[in-house]
N, C-alpha and C. Protein backbone atom coordinates (compact mmCIF):
# COMPACT_ATOMS: atom_id res chain seq x y z
N UNK A 1 96.13 97.55 106.18
CA UNK A 1 97.17 97.25 105.22
C UNK A 1 97.80 98.56 104.74
N UNK A 2 99.12 98.59 104.72
CA UNK A 2 99.87 99.76 104.26
C UNK A 2 100.81 99.30 103.16
N UNK A 3 100.80 99.99 102.06
CA UNK A 3 101.74 99.72 100.98
C UNK A 3 102.72 100.88 100.89
N UNK A 4 103.99 100.53 100.74
CA UNK A 4 105.05 101.54 100.72
C UNK A 4 105.82 101.44 99.40
N UNK A 5 106.09 102.58 98.81
CA UNK A 5 106.84 102.62 97.56
C UNK A 5 107.95 103.66 97.69
N UNK A 6 109.20 103.18 97.62
CA UNK A 6 110.35 104.08 97.71
C UNK A 6 110.75 104.58 96.33
N UNK A 7 111.37 105.74 96.32
CA UNK A 7 111.93 106.29 95.09
C UNK A 7 113.05 107.24 95.45
N UNK A 8 113.84 107.60 94.45
CA UNK A 8 114.88 108.61 94.67
C UNK A 8 116.30 108.07 94.73
N UNK A 9 116.44 106.76 94.68
CA UNK A 9 117.79 106.22 94.71
C UNK A 9 118.53 106.49 93.40
N UNK A 10 119.81 106.16 93.39
CA UNK A 10 120.59 106.37 92.19
C UNK A 10 122.07 106.30 92.47
N UNK A 11 122.83 106.75 91.48
CA UNK A 11 124.29 106.77 91.58
C UNK A 11 124.75 108.21 91.82
N UNK A 12 125.60 108.40 92.79
CA UNK A 12 126.09 109.72 93.13
C UNK A 12 127.55 109.63 93.54
N UNK A 13 128.28 110.69 93.30
CA UNK A 13 129.68 110.71 93.72
C UNK A 13 129.79 111.02 95.21
N UNK A 14 130.89 110.59 95.79
CA UNK A 14 131.14 110.87 97.20
C UNK A 14 131.06 112.38 97.44
N UNK A 15 130.39 112.73 98.54
CA UNK A 15 130.17 114.13 98.86
C UNK A 15 128.86 114.68 98.34
N UNK A 16 128.20 113.91 97.49
CA UNK A 16 126.95 114.35 96.90
C UNK A 16 125.76 114.10 97.80
N UNK A 17 124.59 114.41 97.26
CA UNK A 17 123.34 114.30 98.02
C UNK A 17 122.27 113.57 97.22
N UNK A 18 121.38 112.95 97.94
CA UNK A 18 120.18 112.34 97.36
C UNK A 18 119.05 112.52 98.35
N UNK A 19 117.83 112.56 97.83
CA UNK A 19 116.66 112.54 98.70
C UNK A 19 115.78 111.37 98.32
N UNK A 20 115.58 110.51 99.28
CA UNK A 20 114.69 109.36 99.09
C UNK A 20 113.29 109.72 99.56
N UNK A 21 112.32 109.17 98.87
CA UNK A 21 110.92 109.35 99.24
C UNK A 21 110.28 107.98 99.43
N UNK A 22 109.33 107.92 100.33
CA UNK A 22 108.57 106.69 100.55
C UNK A 22 107.10 107.10 100.64
N UNK A 23 106.35 106.74 99.63
CA UNK A 23 104.93 107.06 99.59
C UNK A 23 104.12 105.90 100.15
N UNK A 24 103.21 106.21 101.04
CA UNK A 24 102.41 105.18 101.71
C UNK A 24 100.96 105.28 101.30
N UNK A 25 100.33 104.13 101.19
CA UNK A 25 98.90 104.10 100.96
C UNK A 25 98.18 104.08 102.31
N UNK A 26 96.89 104.27 102.30
CA UNK A 26 96.12 104.15 103.52
C UNK A 26 95.87 105.49 104.19
N UNK A 27 94.81 105.52 104.95
CA UNK A 27 94.39 106.78 105.58
C UNK A 27 94.92 106.95 106.98
N UNK A 28 95.70 105.96 107.47
CA UNK A 28 96.18 106.03 108.84
C UNK A 28 97.68 106.25 108.89
N UNK A 29 98.25 106.81 107.84
CA UNK A 29 99.70 107.00 107.77
C UNK A 29 100.21 107.76 108.97
N UNK A 30 99.52 108.78 109.39
CA UNK A 30 100.01 109.64 110.47
C UNK A 30 100.14 108.89 111.80
N UNK A 31 99.47 107.76 111.94
CA UNK A 31 99.53 107.02 113.19
C UNK A 31 100.68 106.02 113.23
N UNK A 32 101.40 105.88 112.12
CA UNK A 32 102.49 104.92 112.04
C UNK A 32 103.84 105.59 112.28
N UNK A 33 104.71 104.87 112.95
CA UNK A 33 106.12 105.24 112.98
C UNK A 33 106.73 104.79 111.66
N UNK A 34 107.65 105.59 111.16
CA UNK A 34 108.29 105.29 109.88
C UNK A 34 109.80 105.22 110.07
N UNK A 35 110.39 104.28 109.37
CA UNK A 35 111.84 104.14 109.47
C UNK A 35 112.46 103.94 108.11
N UNK A 36 113.70 104.38 107.99
CA UNK A 36 114.53 104.08 106.82
C UNK A 36 115.61 103.10 107.27
N UNK A 37 115.72 102.01 106.53
CA UNK A 37 116.71 100.99 106.80
C UNK A 37 117.58 100.84 105.55
N UNK A 38 118.73 100.20 105.72
CA UNK A 38 119.55 99.90 104.55
C UNK A 38 120.23 98.56 104.74
N UNK A 39 120.53 97.95 103.61
CA UNK A 39 121.24 96.67 103.62
C UNK A 39 122.27 96.68 102.52
N UNK A 40 123.52 96.59 102.92
CA UNK A 40 124.63 96.51 101.96
C UNK A 40 124.92 95.04 101.67
N UNK A 41 125.53 94.75 100.53
CA UNK A 41 125.84 93.36 100.19
C UNK A 41 126.66 92.69 101.28
N UNK A 42 126.22 91.52 101.70
CA UNK A 42 126.95 90.75 102.70
C UNK A 42 126.78 91.25 104.11
N UNK A 43 125.92 92.24 104.30
CA UNK A 43 125.72 92.79 105.64
C UNK A 43 124.26 92.67 106.05
N UNK A 44 124.04 92.77 107.34
CA UNK A 44 122.68 92.72 107.84
C UNK A 44 122.00 94.08 107.63
N UNK A 45 120.70 94.01 107.57
CA UNK A 45 119.93 95.25 107.47
C UNK A 45 120.11 96.06 108.75
N UNK A 46 120.24 97.37 108.59
CA UNK A 46 120.40 98.24 109.75
C UNK A 46 119.45 99.43 109.65
N UNK A 47 119.03 99.88 110.81
CA UNK A 47 118.17 101.07 110.87
C UNK A 47 119.04 102.31 110.69
N UNK A 48 118.59 103.17 109.80
CA UNK A 48 119.32 104.41 109.53
C UNK A 48 118.68 105.58 110.27
N UNK A 49 117.38 105.71 110.16
CA UNK A 49 116.67 106.83 110.78
C UNK A 49 115.22 106.44 110.97
N UNK A 50 114.59 107.05 111.96
CA UNK A 50 113.19 106.77 112.23
C UNK A 50 112.48 108.04 112.69
N UNK A 51 111.20 108.08 112.40
CA UNK A 51 110.36 109.20 112.81
C UNK A 51 109.08 108.65 113.39
N UNK A 52 108.86 108.91 114.68
CA UNK A 52 107.65 108.43 115.31
C UNK A 52 106.43 109.22 114.88
N UNK A 53 105.27 108.66 115.18
CA UNK A 53 104.03 109.35 114.84
C UNK A 53 103.89 110.66 115.60
N UNK A 54 104.52 110.73 116.76
CA UNK A 54 104.48 111.95 117.56
C UNK A 54 105.60 112.91 117.26
N UNK A 55 106.47 112.54 116.33
CA UNK A 55 107.54 113.44 115.92
C UNK A 55 108.91 113.10 116.44
N UNK A 56 109.00 112.09 117.31
CA UNK A 56 110.32 111.72 117.82
C UNK A 56 111.19 111.25 116.68
N UNK A 57 112.48 111.48 116.82
CA UNK A 57 113.42 111.18 115.75
C UNK A 57 114.60 110.39 116.27
N UNK A 58 115.05 109.45 115.47
CA UNK A 58 116.21 108.63 115.81
C UNK A 58 117.12 108.56 114.59
N UNK A 59 118.43 108.62 114.85
CA UNK A 59 119.43 108.44 113.79
C UNK A 59 120.51 107.47 114.26
N UNK A 60 120.95 106.64 113.35
CA UNK A 60 122.13 105.84 113.60
C UNK A 60 123.34 106.77 113.70
N UNK A 61 124.30 106.39 114.53
CA UNK A 61 125.48 107.24 114.72
C UNK A 61 126.20 107.52 113.40
N UNK A 62 126.18 106.54 112.53
CA UNK A 62 126.94 106.66 111.28
C UNK A 62 126.38 107.73 110.33
N UNK A 63 125.14 108.17 110.57
CA UNK A 63 124.54 109.15 109.65
C UNK A 63 124.18 110.46 110.32
N UNK A 64 124.38 110.54 111.62
CA UNK A 64 124.04 111.78 112.34
C UNK A 64 124.78 112.96 111.75
N UNK A 65 124.06 114.04 111.54
CA UNK A 65 124.66 115.24 110.97
C UNK A 65 124.69 115.25 109.46
N UNK A 66 124.42 114.10 108.84
CA UNK A 66 124.44 114.01 107.38
C UNK A 66 123.06 113.71 106.80
N UNK A 67 122.29 112.90 107.47
CA UNK A 67 120.97 112.49 107.00
C UNK A 67 119.88 113.16 107.83
N UNK A 68 118.76 113.45 107.18
CA UNK A 68 117.61 114.03 107.86
C UNK A 68 116.35 113.31 107.42
N UNK A 69 115.60 112.81 108.40
CA UNK A 69 114.32 112.17 108.10
C UNK A 69 113.21 113.16 108.37
N UNK A 70 112.22 113.17 107.50
CA UNK A 70 111.06 114.04 107.70
C UNK A 70 109.83 113.33 107.15
N UNK A 71 108.68 113.80 107.56
CA UNK A 71 107.45 113.20 107.05
C UNK A 71 106.44 114.29 106.77
N UNK A 72 105.65 114.07 105.75
CA UNK A 72 104.56 114.97 105.39
C UNK A 72 103.28 114.14 105.45
N UNK A 73 102.57 114.25 106.55
CA UNK A 73 101.38 113.41 106.73
C UNK A 73 100.28 113.76 105.73
N UNK A 74 100.26 114.99 105.25
CA UNK A 74 99.26 115.37 104.25
C UNK A 74 99.49 114.64 102.93
N UNK A 75 100.76 114.32 102.67
CA UNK A 75 101.11 113.62 101.42
C UNK A 75 101.38 112.13 101.65
N UNK A 76 101.20 111.66 102.87
CA UNK A 76 101.47 110.25 103.19
C UNK A 76 102.88 109.85 102.73
N UNK A 77 103.83 110.69 103.00
CA UNK A 77 105.19 110.46 102.50
C UNK A 77 106.22 110.74 103.58
N UNK A 78 107.24 109.89 103.62
CA UNK A 78 108.39 110.12 104.48
C UNK A 78 109.61 110.26 103.59
N UNK A 79 110.51 111.15 103.99
CA UNK A 79 111.68 111.47 103.19
C UNK A 79 112.95 111.16 103.98
N UNK A 80 114.01 110.93 103.23
CA UNK A 80 115.34 110.83 103.82
C UNK A 80 116.28 111.67 102.96
N UNK A 81 116.66 112.82 103.50
CA UNK A 81 117.63 113.68 102.84
C UNK A 81 119.02 113.21 103.24
N UNK A 82 119.82 112.86 102.25
CA UNK A 82 121.15 112.31 102.52
C UNK A 82 122.19 113.24 101.92
N UNK A 83 122.99 113.82 102.77
CA UNK A 83 124.06 114.73 102.34
C UNK A 83 125.42 114.14 102.67
N UNK A 84 126.44 114.67 102.05
CA UNK A 84 127.82 114.21 102.29
C UNK A 84 127.91 112.70 102.19
N UNK A 85 127.35 112.15 101.15
CA UNK A 85 127.33 110.70 100.98
C UNK A 85 128.73 110.15 100.79
N UNK A 86 128.93 108.97 101.35
CA UNK A 86 130.21 108.29 101.28
C UNK A 86 130.01 106.90 100.67
N UNK A 87 131.07 106.31 100.13
CA UNK A 87 130.93 104.97 99.54
C UNK A 87 130.33 103.95 100.51
N UNK A 88 130.60 104.11 101.79
CA UNK A 88 130.05 103.16 102.76
C UNK A 88 128.54 103.31 102.95
N UNK A 89 127.96 104.33 102.37
CA UNK A 89 126.50 104.49 102.41
C UNK A 89 125.82 103.68 101.29
N UNK A 90 126.60 103.09 100.43
CA UNK A 90 126.05 102.27 99.35
C UNK A 90 125.27 101.10 99.91
N UNK A 91 124.02 100.98 99.49
CA UNK A 91 123.14 99.92 100.01
C UNK A 91 121.80 100.03 99.30
N UNK A 92 120.98 99.02 99.53
CA UNK A 92 119.57 99.13 99.19
C UNK A 92 118.87 99.74 100.40
N UNK A 93 118.12 100.79 100.16
CA UNK A 93 117.43 101.49 101.22
C UNK A 93 115.95 101.12 101.19
N UNK A 94 115.43 100.78 102.37
CA UNK A 94 114.04 100.37 102.50
C UNK A 94 113.34 101.28 103.51
N UNK A 95 112.09 101.56 103.26
CA UNK A 95 111.32 102.20 104.31
C UNK A 95 110.40 101.17 104.94
N UNK A 96 110.13 101.38 106.20
CA UNK A 96 109.28 100.48 106.96
C UNK A 96 108.29 101.28 107.78
N UNK A 97 107.15 100.67 108.04
CA UNK A 97 106.11 101.31 108.84
C UNK A 97 105.64 100.36 109.92
N UNK A 98 105.44 100.89 111.10
CA UNK A 98 104.95 100.08 112.20
C UNK A 98 104.13 100.94 113.14
N UNK A 99 103.10 100.36 113.76
CA UNK A 99 102.31 101.17 114.70
C UNK A 99 103.11 101.65 115.91
N UNK A 100 104.19 100.93 116.23
CA UNK A 100 104.96 101.26 117.42
C UNK A 100 106.36 101.74 117.05
N UNK A 101 106.74 102.88 117.58
CA UNK A 101 108.08 103.41 117.32
C UNK A 101 109.15 102.47 117.85
N UNK A 102 108.90 101.84 118.99
CA UNK A 102 109.93 100.99 119.59
C UNK A 102 110.20 99.76 118.76
N UNK A 103 109.22 99.31 118.01
CA UNK A 103 109.46 98.16 117.13
C UNK A 103 110.53 98.50 116.11
N UNK A 104 110.46 99.71 115.59
CA UNK A 104 111.44 100.14 114.60
C UNK A 104 112.77 100.47 115.27
N UNK A 105 112.74 101.27 116.30
CA UNK A 105 113.98 101.79 116.89
C UNK A 105 114.70 100.73 117.72
N UNK A 106 113.96 99.96 118.52
CA UNK A 106 114.58 99.00 119.42
C UNK A 106 114.82 97.65 118.74
N UNK A 107 113.83 97.21 117.97
CA UNK A 107 113.91 95.88 117.37
C UNK A 107 114.38 95.92 115.92
N UNK A 108 114.47 97.11 115.33
CA UNK A 108 114.84 97.23 113.91
C UNK A 108 113.94 96.38 113.03
N UNK A 109 112.67 96.40 113.34
CA UNK A 109 111.68 95.65 112.56
C UNK A 109 110.54 96.58 112.19
N UNK A 110 109.72 96.11 111.27
CA UNK A 110 108.55 96.89 110.86
C UNK A 110 107.48 95.94 110.34
N UNK A 111 106.26 96.36 110.49
CA UNK A 111 105.15 95.53 110.02
C UNK A 111 105.05 95.54 108.50
N UNK A 112 105.32 96.68 107.92
CA UNK A 112 105.19 96.84 106.47
C UNK A 112 106.53 97.33 105.89
N UNK A 113 106.81 96.85 104.70
CA UNK A 113 108.07 97.20 104.04
C UNK A 113 107.82 97.62 102.61
N UNK A 114 108.68 98.52 102.13
CA UNK A 114 108.71 98.84 100.72
C UNK A 114 109.63 97.87 99.99
N UNK A 115 109.74 98.06 98.69
CA UNK A 115 110.52 97.13 97.87
C UNK A 115 112.00 97.49 97.83
N UNK A 116 112.35 98.68 98.28
CA UNK A 116 113.73 99.10 98.32
C UNK A 116 114.15 99.92 97.12
N UNK A 117 115.14 100.76 97.33
CA UNK A 117 115.71 101.56 96.25
C UNK A 117 117.23 101.58 96.43
N UNK A 118 117.94 101.39 95.33
CA UNK A 118 119.39 101.26 95.39
C UNK A 118 120.05 102.63 95.45
N UNK A 119 120.98 102.77 96.37
CA UNK A 119 121.82 103.96 96.46
C UNK A 119 123.27 103.51 96.30
N UNK A 120 123.94 104.07 95.31
CA UNK A 120 125.33 103.73 95.06
C UNK A 120 126.15 105.01 95.09
N UNK A 121 127.18 105.01 95.93
CA UNK A 121 128.05 106.17 96.07
C UNK A 121 129.43 105.79 95.56
N UNK A 122 129.88 106.48 94.55
CA UNK A 122 131.18 106.19 93.98
C UNK A 122 132.25 107.08 94.61
N UNK A 123 133.45 106.53 94.69
CA UNK A 123 134.56 107.29 95.32
C UNK A 123 135.32 108.12 94.29
């Protein structure tokens, strides 16, 4: 069982930055692939970025060059640094954990989910 708790969301002006954190419980965090997803009102959830247990990294085209995913296995935490935020980045952001990277990257699914954190970007 893995429990995930996101933090770091908030209101920011366009062009600003935020860093999201997702703290995980459990002693096997390093063996899980981690992903950041987002869901805007009226839209389907989409994968934003993922980090495999072996270090592989994936980014959605819409955030490449602006967002950076990282993980600190010693702290059981995955981060999403978001720069140059735009109003279209407004969404609830969720972190997900799965034993398999392909589940997150290919299927956009995860075994465990956090409760989400709201990110609002004003124009």
